[in-house]
Amino acid sequence: MDGILQVQAAANAEYFFQVCEREFSVAEGERVKSGILQAYRWQYIVSGVEQPRFMSLLTSLITHSQASRIGAALGPIMS
């Protein structure tokens, strides 16, 4: 899921740069890309993970080992 969000955020940032009527420095462009990705991650991943019902259902369907891998993958996204 995060890979999809990374591709979509990059594409949307590039579109934003094309239609915006000003130039962005490299640092500004990176902040825009990072901000879009962070927003998408929150909208599509973090907001769901924070829902107790979702986590309850998910943990009922996976093993402890799978839960550990998911937790490790979510670490960088949740911070």
PDB file of N, CA and C in Angstrom:
ATOM      1  N   MET A   1       0.822  -1.190   0.000  1.00  0.00           N
ATOM      2  CA  MET A   1       0.000   0.000   0.000  1.00  0.00           C
ATOM      3  C   MET A   1       0.865   1.253   0.000  1.00  0.00           C
ATOM      4  N   ASP A   2       1.907   1.243   0.832  1.00  0.00           N
ATOM      5  CA  ASP A   2       2.751   2.432   0.901  1.00  0.00           C
ATOM      6  C   ASP A   2       3.452   2.696  -0.423  1.00  0.00           C
ATOM      7  N   GLY A   3       3.826   1.644  -1.124  1.00  0.00           N
ATOM      8  CA  GLY A   3       4.453   1.829  -2.432  1.00  0.00           C
ATOM      9  C   GLY A   3       3.528   2.541  -3.405  1.00  0.00           C
ATOM     10  N   ILE A   4       2.267   2.172  -3.378  1.00  0.00           N
ATOM     11  CA  ILE A   4       1.269   2.828  -4.231  1.00  0.00           C
ATOM     12  C   ILE A   4       1.160   4.302  -3.852  1.00  0.00           C
ATOM     13  N   LEU A   5       1.120   4.582  -2.549  1.00  0.00           N
ATOM     14  CA  LEU A   5       1.017   5.967  -2.095  1.00  0.00           C
ATOM     15  C   LEU A   5       2.246   6.780  -2.493  1.00  0.00           C
ATOM     16  N   GLN A   6       3.414   6.164  -2.451  1.00  0.00           N
ATOM     17  CA  GLN A   6       4.626   6.877  -2.850  1.00  0.00           C
ATOM     18  C   GLN A   6       4.578   7.273  -4.323  1.00  0.00           C
ATOM     19  N   VAL A   7       4.140   6.350  -5.161  1.00  0.00           N
ATOM     20  CA  VAL A   7       4.043   6.638  -6.598  1.00  0.00           C
ATOM     21  C   VAL A   7       2.988   7.717  -6.847  1.00  0.00           C
ATOM     22  N   GLN A   8       1.830   7.593  -6.199  1.00  0.00           N
ATOM     23  CA  GLN A   8       0.761   8.567  -6.415  1.00  0.00           C
ATOM     24  C   GLN A   8       1.153   9.943  -5.897  1.00  0.00           C
ATOM     25  N   ALA A   9       1.789  10.008  -4.743  1.00  0.00           N
ATOM     26  CA  ALA A   9       2.215  11.298  -4.177  1.00  0.00           C
ATOM     27  C   ALA A   9       3.230  11.974  -5.103  1.00  0.00           C
ATOM     28  N   ALA A  10       4.165  11.207  -5.628  1.00  0.00           N
ATOM     29  CA  ALA A  10       5.162  11.775  -6.541  1.00  0.00           C
ATOM     30  C   ALA A  10       4.497  12.302  -7.813  1.00  0.00           C
ATOM     31  N   ALA A  11       3.555  11.538  -8.354  1.00  0.00           N
ATOM     32  CA  ALA A  11       2.849  11.973  -9.568  1.00  0.00           C
ATOM     33  C   ALA A  11       2.033  13.233  -9.303  1.00  0.00           C
ATOM     34  N   ASN A  12       1.368  13.287  -8.170  1.00  0.00           N
ATOM     35  CA  ASN A  12       0.560  14.466  -7.853  1.00  0.00           C
ATOM     36  C   ASN A  12       1.433  15.683  -7.582  1.00  0.00           C
ATOM     37  N   ALA A  13       2.580  15.479  -6.964  1.00  0.00           N
ATOM     38  CA  ALA A  13       3.506  16.596  -6.733  1.00  0.00           C
ATOM     39  C   ALA A  13       4.005  17.131  -8.075  1.00  0.00           C
ATOM     40  N   GLU A  14       4.357  16.239  -8.991  1.00  0.00           N
ATOM     41  CA  GLU A  14       4.828  16.677 -10.310  1.00  0.00           C
ATOM     42  C   GLU A  14       3.737  17.456 -11.049  1.00  0.00           C
ATOM     43  N   TYR A  15       2.507  16.999 -10.945  1.00  0.00           N
ATOM     44  CA  TYR A  15       1.401  17.735 -11.569  1.00  0.00           C
ATOM     45  C   TYR A  15       1.264  19.122 -10.934  1.00  0.00           C
ATOM     46  N   PHE A  16       1.361  19.182  -9.615  1.00  0.00           N
ATOM     47  CA  PHE A  16       1.291  20.465  -8.909  1.00  0.00           C
ATOM     48  C   PHE A  16       2.372  21.414  -9.412  1.00  0.00           C
ATOM     49  N   PHE A  17       3.585  20.913  -9.562  1.00  0.00           N
ATOM     50  CA  PHE A  17       4.683  21.755 -10.039  1.00  0.00           C
ATOM     51  C   PHE A  17       4.416  22.261 -11.457  1.00  0.00           C
ATOM     52  N   GLN A  18       3.786  21.434 -12.284  1.00  0.00           N
ATOM     53  CA  GLN A  18       3.505  21.825 -13.667  1.00  0.00           C
ATOM     54  C   GLN A  18       2.458  22.930 -13.747  1.00  0.00           C
ATOM     55  N   VAL A  19       1.440  22.868 -12.893  1.00  0.00           N
ATOM     56  CA  VAL A  19       0.345  23.834 -12.993  1.00  0.00           C
ATOM     57  C   VAL A  19       0.544  25.056 -12.113  1.00  0.00           C
ATOM     58  N   CYS A  20       1.455  24.983 -11.189  1.00  0.00           N
ATOM     59  CA  CYS A  20       1.712  26.119 -10.309  1.00  0.00           C
ATOM     60  C   CYS A  20       2.438  27.204 -11.103  1.00  0.00           C
ATOM     61  N   GLU A  21       2.128  28.416 -10.815  1.00  0.00           N
ATOM     62  CA  GLU A  21       2.691  29.509 -11.594  1.00  0.00           C
ATOM     63  C   GLU A  21       3.958  30.089 -10.967  1.00  0.00           C
ATOM     64  N   ARG A  22       4.761  29.242 -10.333  1.00  0.00           N
ATOM     65  CA  ARG A  22       6.042  29.701  -9.814  1.00  0.00           C
ATOM     66  C   ARG A  22       7.023  28.550  -9.771  1.00  0.00           C
ATOM     67  N   GLU A  23       8.275  28.885  -9.719  1.00  0.00           N
ATOM     68  CA  GLU A  23       9.344  27.894  -9.624  1.00  0.00           C
ATOM     69  C   GLU A  23       9.574  27.542  -8.158  1.00  0.00           C
ATOM     70  N   PHE A  24       9.985  26.323  -7.923  1.00  0.00           N
ATOM     71  CA  PHE A  24      10.303  25.854  -6.578  1.00  0.00           C
ATOM     72  C   PHE A  24      11.778  25.487  -6.520  1.00  0.00           C
ATOM     73  N   SER A  25      12.410  25.818  -5.398  1.00  0.00           N
ATOM     74  CA  SER A  25      13.785  25.366  -5.203  1.00  0.00           C
ATOM     75  C   SER A  25      13.756  23.859  -4.975  1.00  0.00           C
ATOM     76  N   VAL A  26      14.912  23.238  -5.039  1.00  0.00           N
ATOM     77  CA  VAL A  26      14.989  21.799  -4.797  1.00  0.00           C
ATOM     78  C   VAL A  26      14.458  21.480  -3.405  1.00  0.00           C
ATOM     79  N   ALA A  27      14.859  22.274  -2.413  1.00  0.00           N
ATOM     80  CA  ALA A  27      14.410  22.037  -1.025  1.00  0.00           C
ATOM     81  C   ALA A  27      12.896  22.203  -0.905  1.00  0.00           C
ATOM     82  N   GLU A  28      12.344  23.226  -1.546  1.00  0.00           N
ATOM     83  CA  GLU A  28      10.895  23.420  -1.507  1.00  0.00           C
ATOM     84  C   GLU A  28      10.174  22.255  -2.181  1.00  0.00           C
ATOM     85  N   GLY A  29      10.704  21.809  -3.304  1.00  0.00           N
ATOM     86  CA  GLY A  29      10.096  20.684  -4.011  1.00  0.00           C
ATOM     87  C   GLY A  29      10.091  19.423  -3.155  1.00  0.00           C
ATOM     88  N   GLU A  30      11.182  19.176  -2.463  1.00  0.00           N
ATOM     89  CA  GLU A  30      11.253  18.009  -1.582  1.00  0.00           C
ATOM     90  C   GLU A  30      10.254  18.123  -0.440  1.00  0.00           C
ATOM     91  N   ARG A  31      10.074  19.324   0.095  1.00  0.00           N
ATOM     92  CA  ARG A  31       9.090  19.513   1.179  1.00  0.00           C
ATOM     93  C   ARG A  31       7.673  19.290   0.677  1.00  0.00           C
ATOM     94  N   VAL A  32       7.388  19.750  -0.533  1.00  0.00           N
ATOM     95  CA  VAL A  32       6.063  19.521  -1.119  1.00  0.00           C
ATOM     96  C   VAL A  32       5.831  18.019  -1.294  1.00  0.00           C
ATOM     97  N   LYS A  33       6.786  17.331  -1.892  1.00  0.00           N
ATOM     98  CA  LYS A  33       6.659  15.878  -2.108  1.00  0.00           C
ATOM     99  C   LYS A  33       6.500  15.141  -0.790  1.00  0.00           C
ATOM    100  N   SER A  34       7.302  15.507   0.186  1.00  0.00           N
ATOM    101  CA  SER A  34       7.233  14.866   1.506  1.00  0.00           C
ATOM    102  C   SER A  34       5.896  15.131   2.175  1.00  0.00           C
ATOM    103  N   GLY A  35       5.407  16.353   2.070  1.00  0.00           N
ATOM    104  CA  GLY A  35       4.125  16.710   2.684  1.00  0.00           C
ATOM    105  C   GLY A  35       2.959  15.953   2.070  1.00  0.00           C
ATOM    106  N   ILE A  36       2.975  15.819   0.757  1.00  0.00           N
ATOM    107  CA  ILE A  36       1.904  15.076   0.089  1.00  0.00           C
ATOM    108  C   ILE A  36       1.946  13.613   0.510  1.00  0.00           C
ATOM    109  N   LEU A  37       3.134  13.017   0.520  1.00  0.00           N
ATOM    110  CA  LEU A  37       3.254  11.618   0.924  1.00  0.00           C
ATOM    111  C   LEU A  37       2.812  11.429   2.374  1.00  0.00           C
ATOM    112  N   GLN A  38       3.226  12.332   3.244  1.00  0.00           N
ATOM    113  CA  GLN A  38       2.815  12.233   4.649  1.00  0.00           C
ATOM    114  C   GLN A  38       1.295  12.329   4.781  1.00  0.00           C
ATOM    115  N   ALA A  39       0.676  13.218   4.034  1.00  0.00           N
ATOM    116  CA  ALA A  39      -0.782  13.359   4.079  1.00  0.00           C
ATOM    117  C   ALA A  39      -1.474  12.097   3.573  1.00  0.00           C
ATOM    118  N   TYR A  40      -0.974  11.534   2.477  1.00  0.00           N
ATOM    119  CA  TYR A  40      -1.570  10.308   1.944  1.00  0.00           C
ATOM    120  C   TYR A  40      -1.398   9.145   2.905  1.00  0.00           C
ATOM    121  N   ARG A  41      -0.221   9.060   3.515  1.00  0.00           N
ATOM    122  CA  ARG A  41      -0.003   7.987   4.483  1.00  0.00           C
ATOM    123  C   ARG A  41      -0.983   8.106   5.641  1.00  0.00           C
ATOM    124  N   TRP A  42      -1.187   9.318   6.130  1.00  0.00           N
ATOM    125  CA  TRP A  42      -2.120   9.485   7.247  1.00  0.00           C
ATOM    126  C   TRP A  42      -3.528   9.113   6.798  1.00  0.00           C
ATOM    127  N   GLN A  43      -3.925   9.619   5.640  1.00  0.00           N
ATOM    128  CA  GLN A  43      -5.288   9.398   5.162  1.00  0.00           C
ATOM    129  C   GLN A  43      -5.583   7.923   4.919  1.00  0.00           C
ATOM    130  N   TYR A  44      -4.661   7.208   4.301  1.00  0.00           N
ATOM    131  CA  TYR A  44      -4.954   5.843   3.872  1.00  0.00           C
ATOM    132  C   TYR A  44      -4.402   4.748   4.766  1.00  0.00           C
ATOM    133  N   ILE A  45      -3.419   5.043   5.600  1.00  0.00           N
ATOM    134  CA  ILE A  45      -2.828   4.008   6.446  1.00  0.00           C
ATOM    135  C   ILE A  45      -3.037   4.321   7.927  1.00  0.00           C
ATOM    136  N   VAL A  46      -2.500   5.427   8.382  1.00  0.00           N
ATOM    137  CA  VAL A  46      -2.495   5.729   9.818  1.00  0.00           C
ATOM    138  C   VAL A  46      -3.907   5.850  10.371  1.00  0.00           C
ATOM    139  N   SER A  47      -4.784   6.547   9.675  1.00  0.00           N
ATOM    140  CA  SER A  47      -6.145   6.727  10.194  1.00  0.00           C
ATOM    141  C   SER A  47      -6.854   5.395  10.367  1.00  0.00           C
ATOM    142  N   GLY A  48      -6.569   4.434   9.499  1.00  0.00           N
ATOM    143  CA  GLY A  48      -7.169   3.107   9.640  1.00  0.00           C
ATOM    144  C   GLY A  48      -6.546   2.310  10.764  1.00  0.00           C
ATOM    145  N   VAL A  49      -5.226   2.358  10.853  1.00  0.00           N
ATOM    146  CA  VAL A  49      -4.514   1.612  11.886  1.00  0.00           C
ATOM    147  C   VAL A  49      -4.903   2.105  13.280  1.00  0.00           C
ATOM    148  N   GLU A  50      -5.221   3.375  13.389  1.00  0.00           N
ATOM    149  CA  GLU A  50      -5.585   3.941  14.696  1.00  0.00           C
ATOM    150  C   GLU A  50      -6.997   3.573  15.130  1.00  0.00           C
ATOM    151  N   GLN A  51      -7.779   2.972  14.255  1.00  0.00           N
ATOM    152  CA  GLN A  51      -9.141   2.574  14.607  1.00  0.00           C
ATOM    153  C   GLN A  51      -9.103   1.241  15.356  1.00  0.00           C
ATOM    154  N   PRO A  52      -9.548   1.219  16.596  1.00  0.00           N
ATOM    155  CA  PRO A  52      -9.491  -0.014  17.389  1.00  0.00           C
ATOM    156  C   PRO A  52     -10.208  -1.196  16.728  1.00  0.00           C
ATOM    157  N   ARG A  53     -11.338  -0.963  16.106  1.00  0.00           N
ATOM    158  CA  ARG A  53     -12.071  -2.067  15.464  1.00  0.00           C
ATOM    159  C   ARG A  53     -11.266  -2.688  14.339  1.00  0.00           C
ATOM    160  N   PHE A  54     -10.580  -1.854  13.559  1.00  0.00           N
ATOM    161  CA  PHE A  54      -9.760  -2.371  12.479  1.00  0.00           C
ATOM    162  C   PHE A  54      -8.622  -3.224  13.032  1.00  0.00           C
ATOM    163  N   MET A  55      -7.927  -2.708  14.038  1.00  0.00           N
ATOM    164  CA  MET A  55      -6.808  -3.451  14.611  1.00  0.00           C
ATOM    165  C   MET A  55      -7.276  -4.756  15.248  1.00  0.00           C
ATOM    166  N   SER A  56      -8.430  -4.735  15.873  1.00  0.00           N
ATOM    167  CA  SER A  56      -8.975  -5.944  16.474  1.00  0.00           C
ATOM    168  C   SER A  56      -9.258  -6.996  15.398  1.00  0.00           C
ATOM    169  N   LEU A  57      -9.877  -6.572  14.330  1.00  0.00           N
ATOM    170  CA  LEU A  57     -10.168  -7.486  13.227  1.00  0.00           C
ATOM    171  C   LEU A  57      -8.885  -7.997  12.590  1.00  0.00           C
ATOM    172  N   LEU A  58      -7.960  -7.089  12.315  1.00  0.00           N
ATOM    173  CA  LEU A  58      -6.714  -7.485  11.681  1.00  0.00           C
ATOM    174  C   LEU A  58      -5.961  -8.503  12.528  1.00  0.00           C
ATOM    175  N   THR A  59      -5.809  -8.233  13.802  1.00  0.00           N
ATOM    176  CA  THR A  59      -5.046  -9.153  14.653  1.00  0.00           C
ATOM    177  C   THR A  59      -5.750 -10.501  14.812  1.00  0.00           C
ATOM    178  N   SER A  60      -7.057 -10.526  14.612  1.00  0.00           N
ATOM    179  CA  SER A  60      -7.761 -11.811  14.688  1.00  0.00           C
ATOM    180  C   SER A  60      -7.526 -12.663  13.436  1.00  0.00           C
ATOM    181  N   LEU A  61      -7.017 -12.054  12.383  1.00  0.00           N
ATOM    182  CA  LEU A  61      -6.832 -12.751  11.111  1.00  0.00           C
ATOM    183  C   LEU A  61      -5.382 -13.105  10.800  1.00  0.00           C
ATOM    184  N   ILE A  62      -4.443 -12.624  11.613  1.00  0.00           N
ATOM    185  CA  ILE A  62      -3.030 -12.845  11.307  1.00  0.00           C
ATOM    186  C   ILE A  62      -2.317 -13.500  12.486  1.00  0.00           C
ATOM    187  N   THR A  63      -1.142 -14.018  12.195  1.00  0.00           N
ATOM    188  CA  THR A  63      -0.332 -14.640  13.244  1.00  0.00           C
ATOM    189  C   THR A  63       0.469 -13.568  13.978  1.00  0.00           C
ATOM    190  N   HIS A  64       1.057 -13.976  15.103  1.00  0.00           N
ATOM    191  CA  HIS A  64       1.901 -13.056  15.868  1.00  0.00           C
ATOM    192  C   HIS A  64       3.097 -12.605  15.031  1.00  0.00           C
ATOM    193  N   SER A  65       3.666 -13.518  14.273  1.00  0.00           N
ATOM    194  CA  SER A  65       4.803 -13.195  13.414  1.00  0.00           C
ATOM    195  C   SER A  65       4.406 -12.160  12.350  1.00  0.00           C
ATOM    196  N   GLN A  66       3.240 -12.351  11.759  1.00  0.00           N
ATOM    197  CA  GLN A  66       2.759 -11.391  10.760  1.00  0.00           C
ATOM    198  C   GLN A  66       2.500 -10.035  11.400  1.00  0.00           C
ATOM    199  N   ALA A  67       1.937 -10.040  12.593  1.00  0.00           N
ATOM    200  CA  ALA A  67       1.682  -8.783  13.310  1.00  0.00           C
ATOM    201  C   ALA A  67       2.990  -8.050  13.586  1.00  0.00           C
ATOM    202  N   SER A  68       4.027  -8.794  13.928  1.00  0.00           N
ATOM    203  CA  SER A  68       5.336  -8.184  14.179  1.00  0.00           C
ATOM    204  C   SER A  68       5.888  -7.538  12.912  1.00  0.00           C
ATOM    205  N   ARG A  69       5.752  -8.220  11.781  1.00  0.00           N
ATOM    206  CA  ARG A  69       6.233  -7.665  10.510  1.00  0.00           C
ATOM    207  C   ARG A  69       5.446  -6.415  10.125  1.00  0.00           C
ATOM    208  N   ILE A  70       4.153  -6.455  10.327  1.00  0.00           N
ATOM    209  CA  ILE A  70       3.323  -5.277  10.028  1.00  0.00           C
ATOM    210  C   ILE A  70       3.732  -4.120  10.932  1.00  0.00           C
ATOM    211  N   GLY A  71       3.912  -4.407  12.219  1.00  0.00           N
ATOM    212  CA  GLY A  71       4.332  -3.368  13.156  1.00  0.00           C
ATOM    213  C   GLY A  71       5.668  -2.750  12.753  1.00  0.00           C
ATOM    214  N   ALA A  72       6.603  -3.580  12.327  1.00  0.00           N
ATOM    215  CA  ALA A  72       7.906  -3.084  11.899  1.00  0.00           C
ATOM    216  C   ALA A  72       7.771  -2.203  10.645  1.00  0.00           C
ATOM    217  N   ALA A  73       6.905  -2.616   9.733  1.00  0.00           N
ATOM    218  CA  ALA A  73       6.696  -1.832   8.508  1.00  0.00           C
ATOM    219  C   ALA A  73       6.000  -0.511   8.795  1.00  0.00           C
ATOM    220  N   LEU A  74       5.118  -0.501   9.787  1.00  0.00           N
ATOM    221  CA  LEU A  74       4.382   0.717  10.125  1.00  0.00           C
ATOM    222  C   LEU A  74       5.222   1.696  10.926  1.00  0.00           C
ATOM    223  N   GLY A  75       6.272   1.231  11.578  1.00  0.00           N
ATOM    224  CA  GLY A  75       7.096   2.097  12.421  1.00  0.00           C
ATOM    225  C   GLY A  75       7.479   3.419  11.787  1.00  0.00           C
ATOM    226  N   PRO A  76       8.141   3.397  10.631  1.00  0.00           N
ATOM    227  CA  PRO A  76       8.536   4.656  10.001  1.00  0.00           C
ATOM    228  C   PRO A  76       7.352   5.504   9.519  1.00  0.00           C
ATOM    229  N   ILE A  77       6.275   4.849   9.180  1.00  0.00           N
ATOM    230  CA  ILE A  77       5.102   5.575   8.674  1.00  0.00           C
ATOM    231  C   ILE A  77       4.366   6.274   9.813  1.00  0.00           C
ATOM    232  N   MET A  78       4.307   5.640  10.960  1.00  0.00           N
ATOM    233  CA  MET A  78       3.543   6.177  12.088  1.00  0.00           C
ATOM    234  C   MET A  78       4.266   7.310  12.812  1.00  0.00           C
ATOM    235  N   SER A  79       5.563   7.465  12.575  1.00  0.00           N
ATOM    236  CA  SER A  79       6.295   8.506  13.301  1.00  0.00           C
ATOM    237  C   SER A  79       6.253   9.838  12.607  1.00  0.00           C
TER     238      SER A  79
END
